[in-house]
Amino acid sequence: MEFSVLVIAHQRAGHLQRLLDGVQRSSVLPQEVIVVYMDDPYPEPVSCDVPLKALHIQSTPEESGLPLARARNTAAANASTEQLVFLDVDCIPSAQAFERLLQALGEHSALAMAEPRYLKGPIASGPTPYDFTLGELSVPHHARAALPTDVPCEMHEHFWSLGFAISSSDFKRVRGFCLEYSGYGAEDTDFAFTARRHGIPVVFTRAVVFHQHHGVSKPPLNHFDAIVANASKFHARWGVWPMEGWLTAFAHMGLLRWASDGRTLEILQHPTPLQIQHVRSQDAY
């Protein structure tokens, strides 16, 4: 089954190279890898034996952060195959990942999500260890343990876009990622909810991808404005709140509150640089 690997990237050449190394070690090889660079007109060079197409987009003044949704749509629009595999630049596919994702697409017209495992520390320089070693160096995400595997279901609220596959036909039915979102948060949940509206189930597969280590903020105060704006857009479209854990954490910090009608968020103050620095963690999961 022919397929394309689609990656969006911004100044993460090391992570991208390790992703590409993983692609080249796959049990089935894609026809192409398409990398869409966001706000990165002169990226560091990477190498790949699989044909690689590099595309570039720039954020617009209307976009409050990196144009994640538009970048994914651009990658899909330039793919030459029917089966599409999306990978975040942080993810290294295991040797069987693509094979298992394609198997799910062959059995179901579905949104097939990979199983993320999170590396506990940075990978040392030099040749990247694979599969067995990465499995020992990684842990599953606690939120994924109770999900059904390899069966179509309606649990679209648990979909993440860091690694998934979909047919080009279904991607077009969903009309891609909604461009009303910009910056961090909610665009992937909106995509999954739209898929559900079109009768496309989600399948949580055993296609392992290894998420490369990097520091994160818990909660992500560095994305405060985008999260609040995107959460508000999502609620207006779907009538429920995404990212409730993060919004609740912001509320407990006195940064925002829900209005009395429960339908709008009120920003009380923005996080200070000291607060943002304080929640910075070395954990990546």
C-alpha atoms as a PDB file:
ATOM      1  CA  MET A   1       0.000   0.000   0.000  1.00  0.00           C
ATOM      2  CA  GLU A   2       1.555   3.289  -1.067  1.00  0.00           C
ATOM      3  CA  PHE A   3       1.652   6.069   1.515  1.00  0.00           C
ATOM      4  CA  SER A   4       3.181   9.451   2.269  1.00  0.00           C
ATOM      5  CA  VAL A   5       4.730  10.619   5.538  1.00  0.00           C
ATOM      6  CA  LEU A   6       3.820  14.218   6.370  1.00  0.00           C
ATOM      7  CA  VAL A   7       5.801  16.258   8.906  1.00  0.00           C
ATOM      8  CA  ILE A   8       5.508  19.847  10.083  1.00  0.00           C
ATOM      9  CA  ALA A   9       8.602  21.404  11.612  1.00  0.00           C
ATOM     10  CA  HIS A  10      10.037  24.555  13.129  1.00  0.00           C
ATOM     11  CA  GLN A  11      13.736  24.734  14.028  1.00  0.00           C
ATOM     12  CA  ARG A  12      14.104  21.140  15.228  1.00  0.00           C
ATOM     13  CA  ALA A  13      16.674  19.745  12.798  1.00  0.00           C
ATOM     14  CA  GLY A  14      18.031  17.183  15.258  1.00  0.00           C
ATOM     15  CA  HIS A  15      14.597  15.806  16.043  1.00  0.00           C
ATOM     16  CA  LEU A  16      13.698  15.793  12.353  1.00  0.00           C
ATOM     17  CA  GLN A  17      16.835  13.858  11.418  1.00  0.00           C
ATOM     18  CA  ARG A  18      16.072  11.181  14.017  1.00  0.00           C
ATOM     19  CA  LEU A  19      12.502  10.971  12.690  1.00  0.00           C
ATOM     20  CA  LEU A  20      13.872  10.463   9.182  1.00  0.00           C
ATOM     21  CA  ASP A  21      16.319   7.838  10.445  1.00  0.00           C
ATOM     22  CA  GLY A  22      13.315   6.005  11.857  1.00  0.00           C
ATOM     23  CA  VAL A  23      11.452   6.294   8.562  1.00  0.00           C
ATOM     24  CA  GLN A  24      14.379   4.671   6.751  1.00  0.00           C
ATOM     25  CA  ARG A  25      14.378   1.735   9.204  1.00  0.00           C
ATOM     26  CA  SER A  26      10.658   1.066   8.746  1.00  0.00           C
ATOM     27  CA  SER A  27       9.400  -2.363   7.711  1.00  0.00           C
ATOM     28  CA  VAL A  28       7.520  -0.593   4.892  1.00  0.00           C
ATOM     29  CA  LEU A  29       8.869   2.532   3.221  1.00  0.00           C
ATOM     30  CA  PRO A  30       6.774   5.500   2.119  1.00  0.00           C
ATOM     31  CA  GLN A  31       6.786   6.787  -1.428  1.00  0.00           C
ATOM     32  CA  GLU A  32       7.736  10.214  -0.107  1.00  0.00           C
ATOM     33  CA  VAL A  33       8.313  12.329   2.964  1.00  0.00           C
ATOM     34  CA  ILE A  34       6.888  15.848   2.857  1.00  0.00           C
ATOM     35  CA  VAL A  35       8.250  18.338   5.392  1.00  0.00           C
ATOM     36  CA  VAL A  36       6.465  21.645   5.801  1.00  0.00           C
ATOM     37  CA  TYR A  37       8.701  24.184   7.525  1.00  0.00           C
ATOM     38  CA  MET A  38       6.862  26.903   9.443  1.00  0.00           C
ATOM     39  CA  ASP A  39       8.557  30.297   9.802  1.00  0.00           C
ATOM     40  CA  ASP A  40      11.888  28.621   9.080  1.00  0.00           C
ATOM     41  CA  PRO A  41      13.019  29.721   5.597  1.00  0.00           C
ATOM     42  CA  TYR A  42      16.606  28.503   6.028  1.00  0.00           C
ATOM     43  CA  PRO A  43      16.385  25.205   7.965  1.00  0.00           C
ATOM     44  CA  GLU A  44      19.419  23.139   8.822  1.00  0.00           C
ATOM     45  CA  PRO A  45      19.986  20.375   6.257  1.00  0.00           C
ATOM     46  CA  VAL A  46      18.779  16.830   6.890  1.00  0.00           C
ATOM     47  CA  SER A  47      19.308  13.624   4.933  1.00  0.00           C
ATOM     48  CA  CYS A  48      16.920  10.876   3.905  1.00  0.00           C
ATOM     49  CA  ASP A  49      17.097   8.020   1.390  1.00  0.00           C
ATOM     50  CA  VAL A  50      13.355   8.242   0.810  1.00  0.00           C
ATOM     51  CA  PRO A  51      12.381  11.047  -1.621  1.00  0.00           C
ATOM     52  CA  LEU A  52      11.919  14.174   0.471  1.00  0.00           C
ATOM     53  CA  LYS A  53      10.008  17.292  -0.513  1.00  0.00           C
ATOM     54  CA  ALA A  54      10.526  20.450   1.560  1.00  0.00           C
ATOM     55  CA  LEU A  55       7.847  23.147   1.584  1.00  0.00           C
ATOM     56  CA  HIS A  56       7.852  26.491   3.369  1.00  0.00           C
ATOM     57  CA  ILE A  57       5.060  28.610   4.805  1.00  0.00           C
ATOM     58  CA  GLN A  58       5.122  31.811   6.830  1.00  0.00           C
ATOM     59  CA  SER A  59       2.674  32.788   9.530  1.00  0.00           C
ATOM     60  CA  THR A  60       0.459  35.779   8.795  1.00  0.00           C
ATOM     61  CA  PRO A  61      -0.299  38.760  11.069  1.00  0.00           C
ATOM     62  CA  GLU A  62      -3.716  37.200  11.745  1.00  0.00           C
ATOM     63  CA  GLU A  63      -2.144  34.033  13.141  1.00  0.00           C
ATOM     64  CA  SER A  64      -1.201  34.265  16.821  1.00  0.00           C
ATOM     65  CA  GLY A  65       1.422  31.523  16.613  1.00  0.00           C
ATOM     66  CA  LEU A  66       2.792  28.856  14.339  1.00  0.00           C
ATOM     67  CA  PRO A  67       0.274  27.936  11.610  1.00  0.00           C
ATOM     68  CA  LEU A  68      -0.032  24.275  12.618  1.00  0.00           C
ATOM     69  CA  ALA A  69      -3.385  23.625  10.951  1.00  0.00           C
ATOM     70  CA  ARG A  70      -2.394  25.312   7.702  1.00  0.00           C
ATOM     71  CA  ALA A  71       0.923  23.448   7.655  1.00  0.00           C
ATOM     72  CA  ARG A  72      -0.769  20.051   7.958  1.00  0.00           C
ATOM     73  CA  ASN A  73      -3.257  20.971   5.249  1.00  0.00           C
ATOM     74  CA  THR A  74      -0.406  22.096   2.997  1.00  0.00           C
ATOM     75  CA  ALA A  75       1.375  18.781   3.495  1.00  0.00           C
ATOM     76  CA  ALA A  76      -1.768  16.791   2.660  1.00  0.00           C
ATOM     77  CA  ALA A  77      -2.485  18.893  -0.424  1.00  0.00           C
ATOM     78  CA  ASN A  78       0.972  18.094  -1.804  1.00  0.00           C
ATOM     79  CA  ALA A  79       0.912  14.344  -1.141  1.00  0.00           C
ATOM     80  CA  SER A  80       0.882  12.069  -4.179  1.00  0.00           C
ATOM     81  CA  THR A  81      -0.598   8.985  -2.464  1.00  0.00           C
ATOM     82  CA  GLU A  82      -3.999   8.033  -1.055  1.00  0.00           C
ATOM     83  CA  GLN A  83      -2.771   6.982   2.399  1.00  0.00           C
ATOM     84  CA  LEU A  84      -1.397   9.750   4.612  1.00  0.00           C
ATOM     85  CA  VAL A  85       0.684   9.311   7.772  1.00  0.00           C
ATOM     86  CA  PHE A  86       1.161  12.455   9.859  1.00  0.00           C
ATOM     87  CA  LEU A  87       4.070  12.616  12.310  1.00  0.00           C
ATOM     88  CA  ASP A  88       5.029  15.436  14.618  1.00  0.00           C
ATOM     89  CA  VAL A  89       8.685  16.340  14.257  1.00  0.00           C
ATOM     90  CA  ASP A  90       9.279  15.073  17.815  1.00  0.00           C
ATOM     91  CA  CYS A  91       8.262  11.497  16.951  1.00  0.00           C
ATOM     92  CA  ILE A  92      10.466   8.585  15.874  1.00  0.00           C
ATOM     93  CA  PRO A  93       8.420   5.802  14.262  1.00  0.00           C
ATOM     94  CA  SER A  94       9.126   2.261  15.426  1.00  0.00           C
ATOM     95  CA  ALA A  95       9.956  -0.272  12.705  1.00  0.00           C
ATOM     96  CA  GLN A  96       6.378  -1.616  12.608  1.00  0.00           C
ATOM     97  CA  ALA A  97       4.552   1.699  13.119  1.00  0.00           C
ATOM     98  CA  PHE A  98       3.683   2.423   9.497  1.00  0.00           C
ATOM     99  CA  GLU A  99       2.743  -1.192   8.804  1.00  0.00           C
ATOM    100  CA  ARG A 100       0.283  -1.210  11.707  1.00  0.00           C
ATOM    101  CA  LEU A 101      -1.230   2.151  10.821  1.00  0.00           C
ATOM    102  CA  LEU A 102      -1.739   1.031   7.231  1.00  0.00           C
ATOM    103  CA  GLN A 103      -3.275  -2.222   8.437  1.00  0.00           C
ATOM    104  CA  ALA A 104      -5.826  -0.209  10.420  1.00  0.00           C
ATOM    105  CA  LEU A 105      -6.639   1.882   7.346  1.00  0.00           C
ATOM    106  CA  GLY A 106      -6.976  -1.260   5.262  1.00  0.00           C
ATOM    107  CA  GLU A 107      -9.499  -2.721   7.701  1.00  0.00           C
ATOM    108  CA  HIS A 108     -11.451   0.436   8.544  1.00  0.00           C
ATOM    109  CA  SER A 109     -12.268   3.810   7.041  1.00  0.00           C
ATOM    110  CA  ALA A 110     -10.983   5.485  10.159  1.00  0.00           C
ATOM    111  CA  LEU A 111      -8.721   7.946  11.880  1.00  0.00           C
ATOM    112  CA  ALA A 112      -5.890   5.646  13.013  1.00  0.00           C
ATOM    113  CA  MET A 113      -3.808   6.997  15.888  1.00  0.00           C
ATOM    114  CA  ALA A 114      -0.360   5.745  16.838  1.00  0.00           C
ATOM    115  CA  GLU A 115       0.589   4.739  20.379  1.00  0.00           C
ATOM    116  CA  PRO A 116       3.005   7.322  21.821  1.00  0.00           C
ATOM    117  CA  ARG A 117       5.790   6.352  24.183  1.00  0.00           C
ATOM    118  CA  TYR A 118       7.773   9.162  25.785  1.00  0.00           C
ATOM    119  CA  LEU A 119      11.551   9.050  25.990  1.00  0.00           C
ATOM    120  CA  LYS A 120      12.698   9.845  29.525  1.00  0.00           C
ATOM    121  CA  GLY A 121      15.781  11.775  28.470  1.00  0.00           C
ATOM    122  CA  PRO A 122      17.637  13.159  25.468  1.00  0.00           C
ATOM    123  CA  ILE A 123      19.190  10.692  23.034  1.00  0.00           C
ATOM    124  CA  ALA A 124      22.979  10.771  23.115  1.00  0.00           C
ATOM    125  CA  SER A 125      24.773  12.030  20.046  1.00  0.00           C
ATOM    126  CA  GLY A 126      25.766   9.462  17.448  1.00  0.00           C
ATOM    127  CA  PRO A 127      23.728   6.655  15.859  1.00  0.00           C
ATOM    128  CA  THR A 128      20.173   6.546  17.204  1.00  0.00           C
ATOM    129  CA  PRO A 129      19.203   3.340  19.073  1.00  0.00           C
ATOM    130  CA  TYR A 130      15.962   1.826  17.835  1.00  0.00           C
ATOM    131  CA  ASP A 131      12.906  -0.103  18.898  1.00  0.00           C
ATOM    132  CA  PHE A 132      14.051  -2.400  21.726  1.00  0.00           C
ATOM    133  CA  THR A 133      16.394   0.174  23.246  1.00  0.00           C
ATOM    134  CA  LEU A 134      13.986   3.064  22.720  1.00  0.00           C
ATOM    135  CA  GLY A 135      11.259   0.933  24.283  1.00  0.00           C
ATOM    136  CA  GLU A 136      13.381   0.518  27.408  1.00  0.00           C
ATOM    137  CA  LEU A 137      14.171   4.239  27.487  1.00  0.00           C
ATOM    138  CA  SER A 138      10.531   5.298  27.167  1.00  0.00           C
ATOM    139  CA  VAL A 139       7.279   5.157  29.099  1.00  0.00           C
ATOM    140  CA  PRO A 140       3.649   5.117  27.954  1.00  0.00           C
ATOM    141  CA  HIS A 141       1.440   8.113  28.645  1.00  0.00           C
ATOM    142  CA  HIS A 142      -0.793   7.485  31.637  1.00  0.00           C
ATOM    143  CA  ALA A 143      -3.853   8.880  29.831  1.00  0.00           C
ATOM    144  CA  ARG A 144      -3.678   6.217  27.103  1.00  0.00           C
ATOM    145  CA  ALA A 145      -3.790   3.117  29.314  1.00  0.00           C
ATOM    146  CA  ALA A 146      -7.583   2.690  29.404  1.00  0.00           C
ATOM    147  CA  LEU A 147      -8.237   3.225  25.700  1.00  0.00           C
ATOM    148  CA  PRO A 148      -9.456   0.335  23.532  1.00  0.00           C
ATOM    149  CA  THR A 149      -6.915  -0.811  20.960  1.00  0.00           C
ATOM    150  CA  ASP A 150      -7.283  -1.818  17.331  1.00  0.00           C
ATOM    151  CA  VAL A 151     -11.076  -1.435  17.279  1.00  0.00           C
ATOM    152  CA  PRO A 152     -13.130   1.457  15.841  1.00  0.00           C
ATOM    153  CA  CYS A 153     -14.678   3.601  18.572  1.00  0.00           C
ATOM    154  CA  GLU A 154     -16.229   7.015  19.171  1.00  0.00           C
ATOM    155  CA  MET A 155     -13.671   8.284  21.713  1.00  0.00           C
ATOM    156  CA  HIS A 156     -12.540  11.145  19.484  1.00  0.00           C
ATOM    157  CA  GLU A 157     -11.832  13.431  22.436  1.00  0.00           C
ATOM    158  CA  HIS A 158      -8.734  11.296  23.107  1.00  0.00           C
ATOM    159  CA  PHE A 159      -7.265  11.799  19.635  1.00  0.00           C
ATOM    160  CA  TRP A 160      -3.866  13.497  19.393  1.00  0.00           C
ATOM    161  CA  SER A 161      -2.290  14.540  16.118  1.00  0.00           C
ATOM    162  CA  LEU A 162       1.315  13.661  17.034  1.00  0.00           C
ATOM    163  CA  GLY A 163       1.097  10.454  14.982  1.00  0.00           C
ATOM    164  CA  PHE A 164      -1.869   9.285  12.942  1.00  0.00           C
ATOM    165  CA  ALA A 165      -2.977   7.996   9.557  1.00  0.00           C
ATOM    166  CA  ILE A 166      -5.981   8.783   7.409  1.00  0.00           C
ATOM    167  CA  SER A 167      -6.889   8.300   3.780  1.00  0.00           C
ATOM    168  CA  SER A 168      -6.685  11.325   1.522  1.00  0.00           C
ATOM    169  CA  SER A 169     -10.363  10.806   0.669  1.00  0.00           C
ATOM    170  CA  ASP A 170     -11.391  10.988   4.345  1.00  0.00           C
ATOM    171  CA  PHE A 171      -9.079  13.958   4.929  1.00  0.00           C
ATOM    172  CA  LYS A 172     -10.882  15.798   2.139  1.00  0.00           C
ATOM    173  CA  ARG A 173     -14.274  14.808   3.582  1.00  0.00           C
ATOM    174  CA  VAL A 174     -13.265  16.393   6.869  1.00  0.00           C
ATOM    175  CA  ARG A 175     -11.882  19.370   4.889  1.00  0.00           C
ATOM    176  CA  GLY A 176      -8.610  19.187   6.723  1.00  0.00           C
ATOM    177  CA  PHE A 177      -7.730  21.051   9.873  1.00  0.00           C
ATOM    178  CA  CYS A 178      -9.830  24.107  10.691  1.00  0.00           C
ATOM    179  CA  LEU A 179      -7.929  27.315   9.979  1.00  0.00           C
ATOM    180  CA  GLU A 180      -9.799  29.245  12.660  1.00  0.00           C
ATOM    181  CA  TYR A 181      -7.222  27.915  15.126  1.00  0.00           C
ATOM    182  CA  SER A 182      -3.697  29.244  15.274  1.00  0.00           C
ATOM    183  CA  GLY A 183      -0.921  28.537  17.685  1.00  0.00           C
ATOM    184  CA  TYR A 184      -1.080  25.823  20.302  1.00  0.00           C
ATOM    185  CA  GLY A 185      -4.075  23.703  21.214  1.00  0.00           C
ATOM    186  CA  ALA A 186      -7.479  22.321  20.163  1.00  0.00           C
ATOM    187  CA  GLU A 187      -7.012  22.121  16.393  1.00  0.00           C
ATOM    188  CA  ASP A 188      -6.452  18.361  16.550  1.00  0.00           C
ATOM    189  CA  THR A 189      -9.488  17.752  18.789  1.00  0.00           C
ATOM    190  CA  ASP A 190     -11.578  19.851  16.401  1.00  0.00           C
ATOM    191  CA  PHE A 191     -10.307  17.720  13.514  1.00  0.00           C
ATOM    192  CA  ALA A 192     -11.305  14.531  15.343  1.00  0.00           C
ATOM    193  CA  PHE A 193     -14.748  15.886  16.254  1.00  0.00           C
ATOM    194  CA  THR A 194     -15.326  16.842  12.622  1.00  0.00           C
ATOM    195  CA  ALA A 195     -14.298  13.320  11.586  1.00  0.00           C
ATOM    196  CA  ARG A 196     -16.854  11.903  14.019  1.00  0.00           C
ATOM    197  CA  ARG A 197     -19.531  14.177  12.556  1.00  0.00           C
ATOM    198  CA  HIS A 198     -18.749  12.633   9.156  1.00  0.00           C
ATOM    199  CA  GLY A 199     -19.077   9.114  10.534  1.00  0.00           C
ATOM    200  CA  ILE A 200     -15.338   8.389  10.639  1.00  0.00           C
ATOM    201  CA  PRO A 201     -14.408   6.405  13.780  1.00  0.00           C
ATOM    202  CA  VAL A 202     -11.081   6.568  15.563  1.00  0.00           C
ATOM    203  CA  VAL A 203      -8.854   3.520  16.037  1.00  0.00           C
ATOM    204  CA  PHE A 204      -6.148   3.584  18.709  1.00  0.00           C
ATOM    205  CA  THR A 205      -3.528   1.264  17.249  1.00  0.00           C
ATOM    206  CA  ARG A 206      -0.422  -0.452  18.618  1.00  0.00           C
ATOM    207  CA  ALA A 207       1.734   1.429  16.118  1.00  0.00           C
ATOM    208  CA  VAL A 208       4.365   2.775  18.499  1.00  0.00           C
ATOM    209  CA  VAL A 209       6.027   6.131  17.954  1.00  0.00           C
ATOM    210  CA  PHE A 210       8.705   7.370  20.346  1.00  0.00           C
ATOM    211  CA  HIS A 211       8.268  10.983  21.423  1.00  0.00           C
ATOM    212  CA  GLN A 212      11.646  12.658  21.717  1.00  0.00           C
ATOM    213  CA  HIS A 213      12.476  14.353  24.970  1.00  0.00           C
ATOM    214  CA  HIS A 214      12.209  18.091  25.419  1.00  0.00           C
ATOM    215  CA  GLY A 215      11.281  20.334  28.288  1.00  0.00           C
ATOM    216  CA  VAL A 216       7.660  21.372  28.681  1.00  0.00           C
ATOM    217  CA  SER A 217       5.670  23.762  30.836  1.00  0.00           C
ATOM    218  CA  LYS A 218       3.098  22.279  33.203  1.00  0.00           C
ATOM    219  CA  PRO A 219       0.634  23.859  32.748  1.00  0.00           C
ATOM    220  CA  PRO A 220       1.726  25.411  29.416  1.00  0.00           C
ATOM    221  CA  LEU A 221       1.697  29.050  30.480  1.00  0.00           C
ATOM    222  CA  ASN A 222       3.967  29.865  27.534  1.00  0.00           C
ATOM    223  CA  HIS A 223       0.958  29.130  25.288  1.00  0.00           C
ATOM    224  CA  PHE A 224      -1.609  30.836  27.530  1.00  0.00           C
ATOM    225  CA  ASP A 225      -3.071  33.272  24.994  1.00  0.00           C
ATOM    226  CA  ALA A 226      -3.348  30.689  22.201  1.00  0.00           C
ATOM    227  CA  ILE A 227      -4.898  28.070  24.504  1.00  0.00           C
ATOM    228  CA  VAL A 228      -7.548  30.484  25.784  1.00  0.00           C
ATOM    229  CA  ALA A 229      -8.360  31.771  22.288  1.00  0.00           C
ATOM    230  CA  ASN A 230      -8.482  28.297  20.747  1.00  0.00           C
ATOM    231  CA  ALA A 231     -10.507  26.855  23.625  1.00  0.00           C
ATOM    232  CA  SER A 232     -13.059  29.636  23.195  1.00  0.00           C
ATOM    233  CA  LYS A 233     -13.300  28.976  19.451  1.00  0.00           C
ATOM    234  CA  PHE A 234     -13.710  25.264  20.084  1.00  0.00           C
ATOM    235  CA  HIS A 235     -16.505  25.832  22.623  1.00  0.00           C
ATOM    236  CA  ALA A 236     -18.317  28.114  20.195  1.00  0.00           C
ATOM    237  CA  ARG A 237     -18.176  25.351  17.546  1.00  0.00           C
ATOM    238  CA  TRP A 238     -18.885  22.286  19.685  1.00  0.00           C
ATOM    239  CA  GLY A 239     -20.495  23.410  22.937  1.00  0.00           C
ATOM    240  CA  VAL A 240     -17.884  21.702  25.148  1.00  0.00           C
ATOM    241  CA  TRP A 241     -14.524  22.826  26.483  1.00  0.00           C
ATOM    242  CA  PRO A 242     -11.288  21.248  25.261  1.00  0.00           C
ATOM    243  CA  MET A 243      -8.114  21.191  27.339  1.00  0.00           C
ATOM    244  CA  GLU A 244     -10.165  21.446  30.549  1.00  0.00           C
ATOM    245  CA  GLY A 245      -7.247  20.299  32.668  1.00  0.00           C
ATOM    246  CA  TRP A 246      -5.118  23.200  31.500  1.00  0.00           C
ATOM    247  CA  LEU A 247      -7.953  25.730  31.732  1.00  0.00           C
ATOM    248  CA  THR A 248      -8.711  24.576  35.281  1.00  0.00           C
ATOM    249  CA  ALA A 249      -5.038  24.928  36.199  1.00  0.00           C
ATOM    250  CA  PHE A 250      -5.033  28.465  34.805  1.00  0.00           C
ATOM    251  CA  ALA A 251      -8.157  29.233  36.845  1.00  0.00           C
ATOM    252  CA  HIS A 252      -6.566  27.869  40.050  1.00  0.00           C
ATOM    253  CA  MET A 253      -3.635  30.216  39.397  1.00  0.00           C
ATOM    254  CA  GLY A 254      -6.024  33.161  39.256  1.00  0.00           C
ATOM    255  CA  LEU A 255      -5.354  33.843  35.585  1.00  0.00           C
ATOM    256  CA  LEU A 256      -8.880  33.286  34.270  1.00  0.00           C
ATOM    257  CA  ARG A 257     -12.384  32.257  35.222  1.00  0.00           C
ATOM    258  CA  TRP A 258     -15.476  30.977  33.521  1.00  0.00           C
ATOM    259  CA  ALA A 259     -18.176  33.608  33.141  1.00  0.00           C
ATOM    260  CA  SER A 260     -21.454  32.948  34.951  1.00  0.00           C
ATOM    261  CA  ASP A 261     -23.047  31.679  31.737  1.00  0.00           C
ATOM    262  CA  GLY A 262     -20.377  28.961  31.486  1.00  0.00           C
ATOM    263  CA  ARG A 263     -19.887  29.746  27.806  1.00  0.00           C
ATOM    264  CA  THR A 264     -17.069  32.273  27.900  1.00  0.00           C
ATOM    265  CA  LEU A 265     -13.694  32.641  29.538  1.00  0.00           C
ATOM    266  CA  GLU A 266     -12.636  35.846  31.269  1.00  0.00           C
ATOM    267  CA  ILE A 267      -8.900  36.573  31.458  1.00  0.00           C
ATOM    268  CA  LEU A 268      -8.105  38.082  34.851  1.00  0.00           C
ATOM    269  CA  GLN A 269      -4.393  38.539  34.234  1.00  0.00           C
ATOM    270  CA  HIS A 270      -1.678  37.148  31.996  1.00  0.00           C
ATOM    271  CA  PRO A 271       1.083  34.939  33.370  1.00  0.00           C
ATOM    272  CA  THR A 272       4.245  36.760  34.335  1.00  0.00           C
ATOM    273  CA  PRO A 273       7.670  35.738  33.025  1.00  0.00           C
ATOM    274  CA  LEU A 274       8.479  34.446  36.525  1.00  0.00           C
ATOM    275  CA  GLN A 275       5.377  32.241  36.537  1.00  0.00           C
ATOM    276  CA  ILE A 276       6.235  30.880  33.095  1.00  0.00           C
ATOM    277  CA  GLN A 277       9.772  30.097  34.232  1.00  0.00           C
ATOM    278  CA  HIS A 278       8.511  28.453  37.433  1.00  0.00           C
ATOM    279  CA  VAL A 279       6.353  25.853  35.632  1.00  0.00           C
ATOM    280  CA  ARG A 280       9.059  24.904  33.172  1.00  0.00           C
ATOM    281  CA  SER A 281       9.843  21.208  33.566  1.00  0.00           C
ATOM    282  CA  GLN A 282      12.458  18.886  32.150  1.00  0.00           C
ATOM    283  CA  ASP A 283       9.850  16.168  31.735  1.00  0.00           C
ATOM    284  CA  ALA A 284       8.384  15.676  28.267  1.00  0.00           C
ATOM    285  CA  TYR A 285       5.237  13.786  29.205  1.00  0.00           C
END
